C-alpha cells in the first residue's frame, strides 16, 4: 500500500480529506485529542507489549495474553500496531475478514464472546501487500486505531507493537501518555524476552525506553523458556532458562513468568486456531494463564509495577 493510496482513503489525517482545508491545526489537534479521550475512557486498563528484540515471540505472547484474559470473562481488545508485519489476524484465524464502519467509526473483528481485534492486516486488499510508509503515516494510522475504532467498554486493551523502540511504540506512548494525572493513560508495559544473553541485551533497551517515557513496567515474560515434549510432557532447556528472571531482577522490574516452547503453538497459529482453546490443559497454556494473573490483579488492587522515576 503506497502513500498515495493512503491519502485516497483519507488516512493521512488532512491531505485529501474534504473540509480540512483552512482549519486551524491546533483546533484540529484539540478535536482529535478529545475524540481519542472519549474512546479510550471506555477502557479500564491499557497495556503495551514491547520487546527490543525481534523473533522472541512477542506477538504470540500478546495474542495469547489477550485470549487468556478473555477466557476469564474479561472484555478485552487486542490492537496490532505492527504496521509492516501484522500477524495477529493469522494467529486467530481472522485472515480475509474486512472492517465495517458505522457512524464514521471502524468496528473491530470479534473473536469469541469477549475479544475484539483490530489490525492493519484487515485493511490490506491482499495479505502479501507491502505497507511502505514513513513515520508520520504510521503515527496517523495508529491515531485512527485509537480514536476511530468502536471498541466499546473494555476491561483491557492489549497493544502489540513491533520489535524495537521506534515509531510505533513511541506513537502509542505519545498518543496515550503514561502520566496518571491525565484522565486517560497507559497503565504500563509488558516486556517479552527469551533466555539468551543476546536477546536480553536488546530487551533491556525496552525497559530503558519505558523509564525515559516515565511508563511503568508491569513485568517481564520469558518466552521460549524450555521445550515441552508433546508426547511425554518433559521440559528440555534448549535456550537455557532463567535469563529473563535474572534480567528483571537486575533492572528492578517484576517477573511475570516463563512460557515454554510448544510445537502446538506453531501448529495452532498456522491453522488460525486459539492455542488455549485447542490445548487448554497443556503446561504452556497453564503458563499463559499464570503470566496474566498480575494483570487480572489490576482489577482489585494497584499492580506491582515499577515505580516511576
C-alpha atoms as a PDB file:
ATOM      1  CA  UNK A   1       0.000   0.000   0.000  1.00  0.00           C
ATOM      2  CA  UNK A   2       1.513   3.296  -1.112  1.00  0.00           C
ATOM      3  CA  UNK A   3       1.286   6.752   0.457  1.00  0.00           C
ATOM      4  CA  UNK A   4      -0.996   7.873  -2.391  1.00  0.00           C
ATOM      5  CA  UNK A   5      -3.412   5.054  -1.656  1.00  0.00           C
ATOM      6  CA  UNK A   6      -3.476   6.086   1.992  1.00  0.00           C
ATOM      7  CA  UNK A   7      -4.316   9.665   1.064  1.00  0.00           C
ATOM      8  CA  UNK A   8      -7.110   8.472  -1.213  1.00  0.00           C
ATOM      9  CA  UNK A   9      -8.573   6.599   1.750  1.00  0.00           C
ATOM     10  CA  UNK A  10      -8.257   9.681   3.948  1.00  0.00           C
ATOM     11  CA  UNK A  11      -5.803   8.086   6.372  1.00  0.00           C
ATOM     12  CA  UNK A  12      -3.206  10.818   6.356  1.00  0.00           C
ATOM     13  CA  UNK A  13      -5.305  12.980   8.680  1.00  0.00           C
ATOM     14  CA  UNK A  14      -5.564  16.034   6.416  1.00  0.00           C
ATOM     15  CA  UNK A  15      -4.448  15.683   2.777  1.00  0.00           C
ATOM     16  CA  UNK A  16      -7.285  14.582   0.589  1.00  0.00           C
ATOM     17  CA  UNK A  17      -9.805  14.951   3.419  1.00  0.00           C
ATOM     18  CA  UNK A  18     -12.833  17.076   2.431  1.00  0.00           C
ATOM     19  CA  UNK A  19     -13.379  20.154   4.548  1.00  0.00           C
ATOM     20  CA  UNK A  20      -9.943  20.033   6.152  1.00  0.00           C
ATOM     21  CA  UNK A  21      -8.598  22.957   4.138  1.00  0.00           C
ATOM     22  CA  UNK A  22      -8.458  26.211   6.070  1.00  0.00           C
ATOM     23  CA  UNK A  23      -8.980  24.720   9.533  1.00  0.00           C
ATOM     24  CA  UNK A  24      -6.801  25.723  12.429  1.00  0.00           C
ATOM     25  CA  UNK A  25      -4.278  22.848  13.007  1.00  0.00           C
ATOM     26  CA  UNK A  26      -4.318  23.475  16.763  1.00  0.00           C
ATOM     27  CA  UNK A  27      -8.109  23.232  16.819  1.00  0.00           C
ATOM     28  CA  UNK A  28      -7.952  20.022  14.765  1.00  0.00           C
ATOM     29  CA  UNK A  29      -5.446  18.555  17.219  1.00  0.00           C
ATOM     30  CA  UNK A  30      -7.721  19.527  20.108  1.00  0.00           C
ATOM     31  CA  UNK A  31     -10.720  17.816  18.499  1.00  0.00           C
ATOM     32  CA  UNK A  32      -8.669  14.660  17.838  1.00  0.00           C
ATOM     33  CA  UNK A  33      -7.428  14.560  21.417  1.00  0.00           C
ATOM     34  CA  UNK A  34     -10.958  14.965  22.750  1.00  0.00           C
ATOM     35  CA  UNK A  35     -12.276  12.202  20.474  1.00  0.00           C
ATOM     36  CA  UNK A  36      -9.461   9.854  21.477  1.00  0.00           C
ATOM     37  CA  UNK A  37     -10.030  10.617  25.151  1.00  0.00           C
ATOM     38  CA  UNK A  38     -13.727   9.757  24.852  1.00  0.00           C
ATOM     39  CA  UNK A  39     -12.937   6.489  23.102  1.00  0.00           C
ATOM     40  CA  UNK A  40     -10.134   5.403  25.417  1.00  0.00           C
ATOM     41  CA  UNK A  41     -12.043   6.425  28.564  1.00  0.00           C
ATOM     42  CA  UNK A  42     -14.234   3.368  27.949  1.00  0.00           C
ATOM     43  CA  UNK A  43     -11.180   1.145  28.539  1.00  0.00           C
ATOM     44  CA  UNK A  44     -10.245   0.426  32.153  1.00  0.00           C
ATOM     45  CA  UNK A  45      -6.654  -0.667  31.529  1.00  0.00           C
ATOM     46  CA  UNK A  46      -4.359   0.000  28.546  1.00  0.00           C
ATOM     47  CA  UNK A  47      -1.242  -2.194  28.285  1.00  0.00           C
ATOM     48  CA  UNK A  48       1.593  -2.017  25.740  1.00  0.00           C
ATOM     49  CA  UNK A  49       3.521  -5.202  24.851  1.00  0.00           C
ATOM     50  CA  UNK A  50       7.155  -4.487  23.940  1.00  0.00           C
ATOM     51  CA  UNK A  51      10.404  -6.182  23.059  1.00  0.00           C
ATOM     52  CA  UNK A  52      13.693  -4.688  21.976  1.00  0.00           C
ATOM     53  CA  UNK A  53      14.467  -7.865  20.032  1.00  0.00           C
ATOM     54  CA  UNK A  54      12.703  -9.461  17.068  1.00  0.00           C
ATOM     55  CA  UNK A  55      11.959 -13.163  16.984  1.00  0.00           C
ATOM     56  CA  UNK A  56      11.189 -13.541  20.690  1.00  0.00           C
ATOM     57  CA  UNK A  57       7.526 -14.397  20.128  1.00  0.00           C
ATOM     58  CA  UNK A  58       6.198 -11.042  21.296  1.00  0.00           C
ATOM     59  CA  UNK A  59       3.067 -11.139  19.123  1.00  0.00           C
ATOM     60  CA  UNK A  60       2.381 -14.710  20.247  1.00  0.00           C
ATOM     61  CA  UNK A  61       2.625 -13.620  23.871  1.00  0.00           C
ATOM     62  CA  UNK A  62       0.407 -10.557  23.289  1.00  0.00           C
ATOM     63  CA  UNK A  63      -2.161 -12.625  21.406  1.00  0.00           C
ATOM     64  CA  UNK A  64      -2.427 -15.387  23.975  1.00  0.00           C
ATOM     65  CA  UNK A  65      -2.327 -12.960  26.891  1.00  0.00           C
ATOM     66  CA  UNK A  66      -5.432 -11.371  25.378  1.00  0.00           C
ATOM     67  CA  UNK A  67      -7.069 -14.769  24.815  1.00  0.00           C
ATOM     68  CA  UNK A  68      -6.266 -15.860  28.390  1.00  0.00           C
ATOM     69  CA  UNK A  69      -7.795 -12.671  29.798  1.00  0.00           C
ATOM     70  CA  UNK A  70     -10.887 -13.073  27.606  1.00  0.00           C
ATOM     71  CA  UNK A  71     -11.336 -16.681  28.741  1.00  0.00           C
ATOM     72  CA  UNK A  72     -11.706 -15.429  32.319  1.00  0.00           C
ATOM     73  CA  UNK A  73     -14.736 -13.414  31.235  1.00  0.00           C
ATOM     74  CA  UNK A  74     -12.974 -10.060  30.896  1.00  0.00           C
ATOM     75  CA  UNK A  75     -13.843  -7.789  27.969  1.00  0.00           C
ATOM     76  CA  UNK A  76     -10.607  -7.479  26.000  1.00  0.00           C
ATOM     77  CA  UNK A  77      -9.393  -5.574  22.953  1.00  0.00           C
ATOM     78  CA  UNK A  78      -6.282  -6.621  21.029  1.00  0.00           C
ATOM     79  CA  UNK A  79      -4.729  -3.867  18.901  1.00  0.00           C
ATOM     80  CA  UNK A  80      -1.961  -4.867  16.490  1.00  0.00           C
ATOM     81  CA  UNK A  81       0.085  -1.739  15.706  1.00  0.00           C
ATOM     82  CA  UNK A  82       2.738  -3.625  13.757  1.00  0.00           C
ATOM     83  CA  UNK A  83       2.064  -1.677  10.554  1.00  0.00           C
ATOM     84  CA  UNK A  84       4.558  -3.503   8.332  1.00  0.00           C
ATOM     85  CA  UNK A  85       4.156  -7.067   9.590  1.00  0.00           C
ATOM     86  CA  UNK A  86       0.708  -7.599  11.144  1.00  0.00           C
ATOM     87  CA  UNK A  87       0.442 -11.205  12.322  1.00  0.00           C
ATOM     88  CA  UNK A  88      -2.457 -11.222  14.797  1.00  0.00           C
ATOM     89  CA  UNK A  89      -5.181 -11.930  12.165  1.00  0.00           C
ATOM     90  CA  UNK A  90      -3.330 -15.077  11.039  1.00  0.00           C
ATOM     91  CA  UNK A  91      -2.809 -16.321  14.608  1.00  0.00           C
ATOM     92  CA  UNK A  92      -6.522 -16.107  15.362  1.00  0.00           C
ATOM     93  CA  UNK A  93      -7.813 -17.387  12.020  1.00  0.00           C
ATOM     94  CA  UNK A  94      -9.232 -13.978  11.085  1.00  0.00           C
ATOM     95  CA  UNK A  95      -7.401 -13.517   7.774  1.00  0.00           C
ATOM     96  CA  UNK A  96      -9.603 -12.251   4.974  1.00  0.00           C
ATOM     97  CA  UNK A  97     -12.033 -10.528   7.318  1.00  0.00           C
ATOM     98  CA  UNK A  98     -12.854  -6.942   6.397  1.00  0.00           C
ATOM     99  CA  UNK A  99     -13.663  -3.977   8.599  1.00  0.00           C
ATOM    100  CA  UNK A 100     -17.154  -2.465   8.678  1.00  0.00           C
ATOM    101  CA  UNK A 101     -17.808   1.172   9.512  1.00  0.00           C
ATOM    102  CA  UNK A 102     -20.771   2.691  11.352  1.00  0.00           C
ATOM    103  CA  UNK A 103     -21.206   6.422  12.039  1.00  0.00           C
ATOM    104  CA  UNK A 104     -17.618   7.212  10.989  1.00  0.00           C
ATOM    105  CA  UNK A 105     -16.220   4.539  13.333  1.00  0.00           C
ATOM    106  CA  UNK A 106     -14.471   1.284  12.436  1.00  0.00           C
ATOM    107  CA  UNK A 107     -15.838  -1.878  14.030  1.00  0.00           C
ATOM    108  CA  UNK A 108     -13.212  -4.329  15.326  1.00  0.00           C
ATOM    109  CA  UNK A 109     -13.405  -8.009  14.449  1.00  0.00           C
ATOM    110  CA  UNK A 110     -14.801 -10.240  17.189  1.00  0.00           C
ATOM    111  CA  UNK A 111     -13.046 -13.427  18.281  1.00  0.00           C
ATOM    112  CA  UNK A 112     -15.346 -15.399  20.558  1.00  0.00           C
ATOM    113  CA  UNK A 113     -17.573 -13.589  23.030  1.00  0.00           C
ATOM    114  CA  UNK A 114     -15.089 -11.370  24.863  1.00  0.00           C
ATOM    115  CA  UNK A 115     -12.248 -10.476  22.487  1.00  0.00           C
ATOM    116  CA  UNK A 116     -12.221  -7.706  19.847  1.00  0.00           C
ATOM    117  CA  UNK A 117      -9.327  -7.382  17.398  1.00  0.00           C
ATOM    118  CA  UNK A 118      -8.022  -4.596  15.150  1.00  0.00           C
ATOM    119  CA  UNK A 119      -5.011  -4.822  12.846  1.00  0.00           C
ATOM    120  CA  UNK A 120      -3.593  -3.266   9.696  1.00  0.00           C
ATOM    121  CA  UNK A 121      -3.941  -6.785   8.273  1.00  0.00           C
ATOM    122  CA  UNK A 122      -7.704  -6.249   7.997  1.00  0.00           C
ATOM    123  CA  UNK A 123      -7.184  -3.159   5.816  1.00  0.00           C
ATOM    124  CA  UNK A 124      -4.931  -4.746   3.197  1.00  0.00           C
ATOM    125  CA  UNK A 125      -6.506  -5.701  -0.134  1.00  0.00           C
ATOM    126  CA  UNK A 126      -4.132  -8.675  -0.394  1.00  0.00           C
ATOM    127  CA  UNK A 127      -2.262 -10.252   2.504  1.00  0.00           C
ATOM    128  CA  UNK A 128       1.020 -10.078   0.585  1.00  0.00           C
ATOM    129  CA  UNK A 129       0.709  -6.305   0.054  1.00  0.00           C
ATOM    130  CA  UNK A 130       3.610  -4.301   1.468  1.00  0.00           C
ATOM    131  CA  UNK A 131       2.885  -1.204   3.555  1.00  0.00           C
ATOM    132  CA  UNK A 132       5.577   1.293   2.548  1.00  0.00           C
ATOM    133  CA  UNK A 133       5.118   4.151   4.973  1.00  0.00           C
ATOM    134  CA  UNK A 134       7.254   6.691   6.758  1.00  0.00           C
ATOM    135  CA  UNK A 135       6.845   7.628  10.395  1.00  0.00           C
ATOM    136  CA  UNK A 136       4.136  10.331  10.047  1.00  0.00           C
ATOM    137  CA  UNK A 137       1.778   7.989   8.193  1.00  0.00           C
ATOM    138  CA  UNK A 138       2.291   5.257  10.778  1.00  0.00           C
ATOM    139  CA  UNK A 139       1.530   7.774  13.522  1.00  0.00           C
ATOM    140  CA  UNK A 140      -1.665   8.754  11.690  1.00  0.00           C
ATOM    141  CA  UNK A 141      -2.800   5.135  11.312  1.00  0.00           C
ATOM    142  CA  UNK A 142      -2.185   4.361  14.998  1.00  0.00           C
ATOM    143  CA  UNK A 143      -4.077   7.530  15.936  1.00  0.00           C
ATOM    144  CA  UNK A 144      -7.029   6.269  13.902  1.00  0.00           C
ATOM    145  CA  UNK A 145      -6.915   2.862  15.578  1.00  0.00           C
ATOM    146  CA  UNK A 146      -7.136   4.543  18.979  1.00  0.00           C
ATOM    147  CA  UNK A 147      -9.573   7.312  18.037  1.00  0.00           C
ATOM    148  CA  UNK A 148     -11.869   5.836  15.378  1.00  0.00           C
ATOM    149  CA  UNK A 149     -12.313   2.173  16.377  1.00  0.00           C
ATOM    150  CA  UNK A 150     -15.535   1.493  18.259  1.00  0.00           C
ATOM    151  CA  UNK A 151     -14.078  -0.735  20.954  1.00  0.00           C
ATOM    152  CA  UNK A 152     -16.964  -0.180  23.358  1.00  0.00           C
ATOM    153  CA  UNK A 153     -16.473  -0.764  27.098  1.00  0.00           C
ATOM    154  CA  UNK A 154     -13.367  -2.895  27.744  1.00  0.00           C
ATOM    155  CA  UNK A 155     -11.597  -4.167  30.830  1.00  0.00           C
ATOM    156  CA  UNK A 156      -8.260  -4.378  28.979  1.00  0.00           C
ATOM    157  CA  UNK A 157      -6.775  -3.129  25.725  1.00  0.00           C
ATOM    158  CA  UNK A 158      -3.622  -5.083  24.845  1.00  0.00           C
ATOM    159  CA  UNK A 159      -1.486  -3.198  22.289  1.00  0.00           C
ATOM    160  CA  UNK A 160       1.004  -5.352  20.395  1.00  0.00           C
ATOM    161  CA  UNK A 161       3.868  -3.279  18.972  1.00  0.00           C
ATOM    162  CA  UNK A 162       6.658  -4.341  16.581  1.00  0.00           C
ATOM    163  CA  UNK A 163      10.182  -5.039  17.879  1.00  0.00           C
ATOM    164  CA  UNK A 164      12.363  -2.151  18.950  1.00  0.00           C
ATOM    165  CA  UNK A 165      11.716   1.306  20.328  1.00  0.00           C
ATOM    166  CA  UNK A 166      10.858   3.120  17.102  1.00  0.00           C
ATOM    167  CA  UNK A 167       7.857   4.847  15.538  1.00  0.00           C
ATOM    168  CA  UNK A 168       5.044   2.512  16.582  1.00  0.00           C
ATOM    169  CA  UNK A 169       5.598   2.149  20.355  1.00  0.00           C
ATOM    170  CA  UNK A 170       6.678   5.787  20.570  1.00  0.00           C
ATOM    171  CA  UNK A 171       3.495   6.864  18.768  1.00  0.00           C
ATOM    172  CA  UNK A 172       1.349   4.905  21.217  1.00  0.00           C
ATOM    173  CA  UNK A 173       3.154   6.488  24.165  1.00  0.00           C
ATOM    174  CA  UNK A 174       2.759   9.976  22.694  1.00  0.00           C
ATOM    175  CA  UNK A 175      -0.932   9.489  21.967  1.00  0.00           C
ATOM    176  CA  UNK A 176      -1.744   7.841  25.327  1.00  0.00           C
ATOM    177  CA  UNK A 177       0.650   9.315  27.899  1.00  0.00           C
ATOM    178  CA  UNK A 178       1.834   7.343  30.923  1.00  0.00           C
ATOM    179  CA  UNK A 179       1.035  10.234  33.274  1.00  0.00           C
ATOM    180  CA  UNK A 180      -1.610   9.042  35.703  1.00  0.00           C
ATOM    181  CA  UNK A 181      -2.723  12.610  36.349  1.00  0.00           C
ATOM    182  CA  UNK A 182      -4.282  12.519  32.866  1.00  0.00           C
ATOM    183  CA  UNK A 183      -7.817  11.138  32.557  1.00  0.00           C
ATOM    184  CA  UNK A 184      -6.621   8.516  30.052  1.00  0.00           C
ATOM    185  CA  UNK A 185      -3.170   6.955  30.417  1.00  0.00           C
ATOM    186  CA  UNK A 186      -1.140   3.820  29.708  1.00  0.00           C
ATOM    187  CA  UNK A 187      -1.122   1.548  32.737  1.00  0.00           C
ATOM    188  CA  UNK A 188       2.270   0.207  31.701  1.00  0.00           C
ATOM    189  CA  UNK A 189       4.218  -2.195  29.535  1.00  0.00           C
ATOM    190  CA  UNK A 190       4.796  -5.933  29.464  1.00  0.00           C
ATOM    191  CA  UNK A 191       8.290  -6.695  28.106  1.00  0.00           C
ATOM    192  CA  UNK A 192       8.927 -10.006  26.317  1.00  0.00           C
ATOM    193  CA  UNK A 193      12.318 -11.695  26.076  1.00  0.00           C
ATOM    194  CA  UNK A 194      13.910 -15.092  25.547  1.00  0.00           C
ATOM    195  CA  UNK A 195      16.552 -16.530  27.906  1.00  0.00           C
ATOM    196  CA  UNK A 196      19.636 -15.968  25.683  1.00  0.00           C
ATOM    197  CA  UNK A 197      22.081 -13.218  26.585  1.00  0.00           C
ATOM    198  CA  UNK A 198      21.875 -11.727  23.068  1.00  0.00           C
ATOM    199  CA  UNK A 199      18.142 -11.166  23.431  1.00  0.00           C
ATOM    200  CA  UNK A 200      18.458  -9.885  26.989  1.00  0.00           C
ATOM    201  CA  UNK A 201      20.856  -7.123  25.938  1.00  0.00           C
ATOM    202  CA  UNK A 202      18.337  -5.737  23.451  1.00  0.00           C
ATOM    203  CA  UNK A 203      15.346  -6.219  25.728  1.00  0.00           C
ATOM    204  CA  UNK A 204      16.981  -4.094  28.426  1.00  0.00           C
ATOM    205  CA  UNK A 205      16.658  -1.207  25.974  1.00  0.00           C
ATOM    206  CA  UNK A 206      12.877  -1.588  26.106  1.00  0.00           C
ATOM    207  CA  UNK A 207      12.956  -1.122  29.860  1.00  0.00           C
ATOM    208  CA  UNK A 208      15.160   1.954  29.436  1.00  0.00           C
ATOM    209  CA  UNK A 209      12.655   3.209  26.832  1.00  0.00           C
ATOM    210  CA  UNK A 210       9.836   2.872  29.367  1.00  0.00           C
ATOM    211  CA  UNK A 211      11.822   4.697  32.035  1.00  0.00           C
ATOM    212  CA  UNK A 212      12.619   7.609  29.753  1.00  0.00           C
ATOM    213  CA  UNK A 213       8.912   7.968  28.998  1.00  0.00           C
ATOM    214  CA  UNK A 214       8.018   7.521  32.696  1.00  0.00           C
ATOM    215  CA  UNK A 215       5.906   4.460  31.888  1.00  0.00           C
ATOM    216  CA  UNK A 216       5.648   1.681  34.494  1.00  0.00           C
ATOM    217  CA  UNK A 217       6.969  -1.751  33.580  1.00  0.00           C
ATOM    218  CA  UNK A 218       4.277  -4.180  34.681  1.00  0.00           C
ATOM    219  CA  UNK A 219       6.608  -7.117  34.235  1.00  0.00           C
ATOM    220  CA  UNK A 220       8.898  -9.259  32.096  1.00  0.00           C
ATOM    221  CA  UNK A 221       7.785 -12.502  30.430  1.00  0.00           C
ATOM    222  CA  UNK A 222      10.464 -15.025  29.462  1.00  0.00           C
ATOM    223  CA  UNK A 223       9.261 -16.758  26.290  1.00  0.00           C
ATOM    224  CA  UNK A 224      10.721 -19.953  24.765  1.00  0.00           C
ATOM    225  CA  UNK A 225      11.879 -20.992  28.213  1.00  0.00           C
ATOM    226  CA  UNK A 226      12.463 -24.706  27.755  1.00  0.00           C
ATOM    227  CA  UNK A 227      10.829 -27.113  25.296  1.00  0.00           C
ATOM    228  CA  UNK A 228       7.761 -29.179  26.215  1.00  0.00           C
ATOM    229  CA  UNK A 229       7.730 -32.603  24.587  1.00  0.00           C
ATOM    230  CA  UNK A 230       4.202 -33.019  23.157  1.00  0.00           C
ATOM    231  CA  UNK A 231       4.352 -36.793  23.785  1.00  0.00           C
ATOM    232  CA  UNK A 232       5.668 -37.106  27.320  1.00  0.00           C
ATOM    233  CA  UNK A 233       5.411 -33.557  28.639  1.00  0.00           C
ATOM    234  CA  UNK A 234       9.073 -33.417  29.696  1.00  0.00           C
ATOM    235  CA  UNK A 235      10.668 -29.955  29.561  1.00  0.00           C
ATOM    236  CA  UNK A 236      14.122 -29.620  27.924  1.00  0.00           C
ATOM    237  CA  UNK A 237      16.080 -26.366  28.213  1.00  0.00           C
ATOM    238  CA  UNK A 238      17.056 -25.677  24.589  1.00  0.00           C
ATOM    239  CA  UNK A 239      17.833 -21.977  25.055  1.00  0.00           C
ATOM    240  CA  UNK A 240      18.543 -22.263  28.780  1.00  0.00           C
ATOM    241  CA  UNK A 241      16.066 -20.667  31.170  1.00  0.00           C
ATOM    242  CA  UNK A 242      16.039 -18.104  33.913  1.00  0.00           C
ATOM    243  CA  UNK A 243      17.760 -15.342  31.939  1.00  0.00           C
ATOM    244  CA  UNK A 244      14.622 -13.215  31.815  1.00  0.00           C
ATOM    245  CA  UNK A 245      14.076 -13.532  35.546  1.00  0.00           C
ATOM    246  CA  UNK A 246      17.674 -12.569  36.318  1.00  0.00           C
ATOM    247  CA  UNK A 247      17.467  -9.612  33.948  1.00  0.00           C
ATOM    248  CA  UNK A 248      14.221  -8.450  35.579  1.00  0.00           C
ATOM    249  CA  UNK A 249      15.891  -8.596  38.995  1.00  0.00           C
ATOM    250  CA  UNK A 250      18.917  -6.661  37.717  1.00  0.00           C
ATOM    251  CA  UNK A 251      16.697  -3.968  36.191  1.00  0.00           C
ATOM    252  CA  UNK A 252      14.424  -3.810  39.233  1.00  0.00           C
ATOM    253  CA  UNK A 253      11.168  -4.790  37.492  1.00  0.00           C
ATOM    254  CA  UNK A 254       8.632  -7.568  38.257  1.00  0.00           C
ATOM    255  CA  UNK A 255       8.941 -11.002  36.640  1.00  0.00           C
ATOM    256  CA  UNK A 256       5.641 -12.416  35.363  1.00  0.00           C
ATOM    257  CA  UNK A 257       6.660 -15.935  34.393  1.00  0.00           C
ATOM    258  CA  UNK A 258       8.131 -18.328  31.827  1.00  0.00           C
ATOM    259  CA  UNK A 259       6.420 -19.625  28.683  1.00  0.00           C
ATOM    260  CA  UNK A 260       7.931 -22.882  27.355  1.00  0.00           C
ATOM    261  CA  UNK A 261       8.273 -23.716  23.658  1.00  0.00           C
ATOM    262  CA  UNK A 262       5.415 -25.891  22.465  1.00  0.00           C
ATOM    263  CA  UNK A 263       5.271 -27.020  18.799  1.00  0.00           C
ATOM    264  CA  UNK A 264       1.490 -26.927  19.026  1.00  0.00           C
ATOM    265  CA  UNK A 265       1.605 -23.114  19.300  1.00  0.00           C
ATOM    266  CA  UNK A 266       3.066 -23.042  15.781  1.00  0.00           C
ATOM    267  CA  UNK A 267       0.516 -25.573  14.554  1.00  0.00           C
ATOM    268  CA  UNK A 268      -2.365 -23.625  16.064  1.00  0.00           C
ATOM    269  CA  UNK A 269      -1.111 -20.330  14.610  1.00  0.00           C
ATOM    270  CA  UNK A 270      -0.640 -21.784  11.137  1.00  0.00           C
ATOM    271  CA  UNK A 271      -4.250 -23.005  11.009  1.00  0.00           C
ATOM    272  CA  UNK A 272      -5.638 -19.920  12.774  1.00  0.00           C
ATOM    273  CA  UNK A 273      -6.766 -21.703  15.925  1.00  0.00           C
ATOM    274  CA  UNK A 274      -6.585 -20.445  19.506  1.00  0.00           C
ATOM    275  CA  UNK A 275      -3.885 -22.450  21.288  1.00  0.00           C
ATOM    276  CA  UNK A 276      -5.663 -22.168  24.643  1.00  0.00           C
ATOM    277  CA  UNK A 277      -8.909 -23.469  23.225  1.00  0.00           C
ATOM    278  CA  UNK A 278      -7.234 -26.380  21.467  1.00  0.00           C
ATOM    279  CA  UNK A 279      -4.698 -27.282  24.187  1.00  0.00           C
ATOM    280  CA  UNK A 280      -6.117 -25.735  27.335  1.00  0.00           C
ATOM    281  CA  UNK A 281      -4.692 -28.450  29.593  1.00  0.00           C
ATOM    282  CA  UNK A 282      -1.097 -28.142  28.356  1.00  0.00           C
ATOM    283  CA  UNK A 283       1.763 -26.783  30.510  1.00  0.00           C
ATOM    284  CA  UNK A 284       2.164 -23.879  28.062  1.00  0.00           C
ATOM    285  CA  UNK A 285      -1.497 -22.862  28.353  1.00  0.00           C
ATOM    286  CA  UNK A 286      -1.146 -23.017  32.145  1.00  0.00           C
ATOM    287  CA  UNK A 287       1.951 -20.799  31.887  1.00  0.00           C
ATOM    288  CA  UNK A 288      -0.003 -18.180  29.905  1.00  0.00           C
ATOM    289  CA  UNK A 289      -2.792 -18.242  32.463  1.00  0.00           C
ATOM    290  CA  UNK A 290      -0.292 -17.766  35.292  1.00  0.00           C
ATOM    291  CA  UNK A 291       1.512 -14.942  33.479  1.00  0.00           C
ATOM    292  CA  UNK A 292      -1.665 -12.865  33.148  1.00  0.00           C
ATOM    293  CA  UNK A 293      -2.547 -13.142  36.836  1.00  0.00           C
ATOM    294  CA  UNK A 294      -0.766  -9.874  37.764  1.00  0.00           C
ATOM    295  CA  UNK A 295      -2.815  -8.168  35.045  1.00  0.00           C
ATOM    296  CA  UNK A 296      -6.041  -9.647  36.428  1.00  0.00           C
ATOM    297  CA  UNK A 297      -4.996  -8.397  39.855  1.00  0.00           C
ATOM    298  CA  UNK A 298      -5.103  -4.847  38.495  1.00  0.00           C
ATOM    299  CA  UNK A 299      -8.880  -5.061  38.850  1.00  0.00           C
ATOM    300  CA  UNK A 300      -8.714  -5.396  42.615  1.00  0.00           C
ATOM    301  CA  UNK A 301      -5.531  -3.623  43.676  1.00  0.00           C
ATOM    302  CA  UNK A 302      -2.672  -1.439  42.469  1.00  0.00           C
ATOM    303  CA  UNK A 303      -0.358  -3.607  40.287  1.00  0.00           C
ATOM    304  CA  UNK A 304       3.148  -4.447  41.432  1.00  0.00           C
ATOM    305  CA  UNK A 305       4.665  -2.189  38.805  1.00  0.00           C
ATOM    306  CA  UNK A 306       7.920  -0.394  38.595  1.00  0.00           C
ATOM    307  CA  UNK A 307       7.834   2.925  40.440  1.00  0.00           C
ATOM    308  CA  UNK A 308       8.183   5.972  38.293  1.00  0.00           C
ATOM    309  CA  UNK A 309      11.456   7.809  38.382  1.00  0.00           C
END
